[in-house]
Amino acid sequence: MPENKTIATTEPVSAYLAAITDPQRRADCEQLQAMMQNITGCEAKMWGPGIVGFDQYHYRYDSGREGDMCIVGFSSRKTDISIYLVASGENQQQLLAELGRHKMGKACLSIRRLTDIQLPVLQQLIVGSVDATRQRYPR
C-alpha cells in the first residue's frame, strides 16, 4: 500500500503563513490559526507542505489503509481557503445554511475570505467537527 502523503512535518507554520503574498489572505489564515488553536487547545503544525492542522487522530479503513490526520485544519489555495472539518451532523447542516458564501465538499469547506461568512457560525462548525472527530476516534 502506498504511503500517505499528508503527514505531520516539522516545517514551521510561521514560514507557511509568511509565504502567503496576499496580505488579507495571510491575515485570514492567521485568524483561523488562532481560532482553531483556541478551540482544540493544540498548537498548529504543518501536515504535508500545505495544510495547517491541529491535534490528530488515527484512522483505519476496512481496506486496511490507516494513518494519522489532523482533527481540523486549513490551507490557503489559489483562489480559496480550504477548511478541513466534518459537517455531516444535523446541527452542522443548519449551521452551514447560516454560514454565508461557501462551498462544502465531503470534509472541505471552501471560502474566499473570512468577511464573506459569519465567524461565530464558523466557530460553531469547528467546535462541532472537533467534538465529532474526537468522539469517533477516541485516544
Protein backbone atom coordinates (compact mmCIF):
# COMPACT_ATOMS: atom_id res chain seq x y z
CA MET A 1 0.00 0.00 0.00
CA PRO A 2 1.41 3.45 -0.85
CA GLU A 3 2.49 5.69 2.00
CA ASN A 4 0.30 8.63 2.98
CA LYS A 5 1.44 11.96 1.52
CA THR A 6 -0.26 14.08 4.15
CA ILE A 7 1.72 13.53 7.31
CA ALA A 8 2.77 15.84 10.14
CA THR A 9 6.05 17.62 9.45
CA THR A 10 8.45 19.77 11.42
CA GLU A 11 8.21 22.67 8.95
CA PRO A 12 7.32 25.91 10.74
CA VAL A 13 3.75 27.12 10.36
CA SER A 14 5.06 30.68 10.57
CA ALA A 15 7.04 30.18 7.34
CA TYR A 16 3.97 28.83 5.55
CA LEU A 17 1.87 31.81 6.64
CA ALA A 18 4.62 34.33 5.83
CA ALA A 19 4.79 32.96 2.27
CA ILE A 20 1.13 33.92 1.59
CA THR A 21 1.61 37.01 -0.57
CA ASP A 22 -1.89 38.49 -0.30
CA PRO A 23 -2.00 40.44 3.00
CA GLN A 24 -5.74 39.90 3.53
CA ARG A 25 -5.44 36.15 2.87
CA ARG A 26 -2.49 35.94 5.27
CA ALA A 27 -4.47 37.82 7.96
CA ASP A 28 -7.46 35.50 7.42
CA CYS A 29 -5.22 32.44 7.81
CA GLU A 30 -3.61 33.87 10.93
CA GLN A 31 -7.10 34.44 12.36
CA LEU A 32 -8.08 30.85 11.50
CA GLN A 33 -4.92 29.61 13.19
CA ALA A 34 -5.78 31.47 16.40
CA MET A 35 -9.40 30.27 16.30
CA MET A 36 -8.52 26.61 15.72
CA GLN A 37 -5.75 26.67 18.32
CA ASN A 38 -8.18 28.11 20.86
CA ILE A 39 -10.87 25.51 20.05
CA THR A 40 -8.59 22.46 20.02
CA GLY A 41 -6.15 23.55 22.72
CA CYS A 42 -3.36 22.35 20.42
CA GLU A 43 -0.53 24.14 18.67
CA ALA A 44 -0.60 24.33 14.88
CA LYS A 45 1.64 22.04 12.87
CA MET A 46 2.15 21.52 9.17
CA TRP A 47 0.62 18.45 7.58
CA GLY A 48 2.34 17.91 4.28
CA PRO A 49 3.52 21.05 2.52
CA GLY A 50 0.23 22.95 2.60
CA ILE A 51 -2.14 22.13 5.48
CA VAL A 52 -2.02 23.85 8.85
CA GLY A 53 -3.51 21.29 11.22
CA PHE A 54 -4.45 20.94 14.87
CA ASP A 55 -4.48 17.85 17.07
CA GLN A 56 -4.57 14.44 15.39
CA TYR A 57 -6.33 11.10 15.26
CA HIS A 58 -5.52 7.66 13.93
CA TYR A 59 -7.85 6.12 11.35
CA ARG A 60 -8.12 2.61 9.92
CA TYR A 61 -10.32 1.83 6.92
CA ASP A 62 -11.91 -1.56 6.15
CA SER A 63 -9.49 -1.79 3.20
CA GLY A 64 -6.59 -1.93 5.67
CA ARG A 65 -5.33 1.55 4.88
CA GLU A 66 -4.53 3.51 8.02
CA GLY A 67 -2.76 6.63 9.12
CA ASP A 68 -2.86 9.79 11.13
CA MET A 69 -4.52 13.08 10.25
CA CYS A 70 -5.19 16.42 11.87
CA ILE A 71 -8.60 16.77 13.50
CA VAL A 72 -9.18 20.18 11.93
CA GLY A 73 -7.08 22.39 9.68
CA PHE A 74 -6.91 24.84 6.81
CA SER A 75 -4.95 25.60 3.69
CA SER A 76 -4.54 28.69 1.54
CA ARG A 77 -5.27 27.59 -2.02
CA LYS A 78 -5.06 29.54 -5.27
CA THR A 79 -8.49 31.16 -5.07
CA ASP A 80 -9.98 29.96 -1.77
CA ILE A 81 -9.16 29.00 1.77
CA SER A 82 -9.92 25.34 2.38
CA ILE A 83 -11.06 24.49 5.90
CA TYR A 84 -10.90 20.79 6.71
CA LEU A 85 -13.69 19.72 9.03
CA VAL A 86 -16.59 17.30 9.39
CA ALA A 87 -20.01 18.85 8.80
CA SER A 88 -22.32 15.85 8.49
CA GLY A 89 -24.47 16.20 11.61
CA GLU A 90 -27.94 17.72 11.52
CA ASN A 91 -26.86 20.76 13.51
CA GLN A 92 -23.85 21.17 11.23
CA GLN A 93 -26.12 21.30 8.16
CA GLN A 94 -28.20 24.04 9.76
CA LEU A 95 -25.05 25.98 10.59
CA LEU A 96 -23.83 25.68 7.00
CA ALA A 97 -27.09 27.26 5.85
CA GLU A 98 -26.35 30.23 8.13
CA LEU A 99 -22.64 30.50 7.35
CA GLY A 100 -22.60 32.76 4.32
CA ARG A 101 -20.86 32.38 0.97
CA HIS A 102 -19.11 28.99 0.85
CA LYS A 103 -18.83 25.61 -0.89
CA MET A 104 -18.87 22.39 1.11
CA GLY A 105 -17.45 19.07 -0.02
CA LYS A 106 -17.28 15.86 1.97
CA ALA A 107 -14.81 17.27 4.52
CA CYS A 108 -13.63 20.52 2.92
CA LEU A 109 -15.29 23.88 3.41
CA SER A 110 -14.12 26.44 0.85
CA ILE A 111 -14.42 30.15 1.43
CA ARG A 112 -12.96 33.12 -0.42
CA ARG A 113 -12.36 35.30 2.65
CA LEU A 114 -13.49 35.49 6.25
CA THR A 115 -15.55 38.63 5.57
CA ASP A 116 -17.83 36.50 3.34
CA ILE A 117 -19.01 34.39 6.28
CA GLN A 118 -20.37 34.62 9.80
CA LEU A 119 -17.38 33.95 12.09
CA PRO A 120 -19.47 32.82 15.10
CA VAL A 121 -21.12 30.23 12.85
CA LEU A 122 -17.73 29.05 11.58
CA GLN A 123 -16.57 28.71 15.17
CA GLN A 124 -19.61 26.56 16.00
CA LEU A 125 -18.93 24.39 12.93
CA ILE A 126 -15.32 23.86 14.01
CA VAL A 127 -16.31 23.05 17.60
CA GLY A 128 -18.88 20.51 16.34
CA SER A 129 -16.38 18.96 13.97
CA VAL A 130 -13.66 18.65 16.62
CA ASP A 131 -16.13 17.11 19.08
CA ALA A 132 -17.47 14.63 16.50
CA THR A 133 -13.98 13.57 15.40
CA ARG A 134 -12.74 13.13 18.97
CA GLN A 135 -15.81 11.00 19.78
CA ARG A 136 -15.38 8.86 16.67
CA TYR A 137 -11.63 8.40 17.20
CA PRO A 138 -11.01 8.38 20.96
CA ARG A 139 -7.42 8.23 22.11
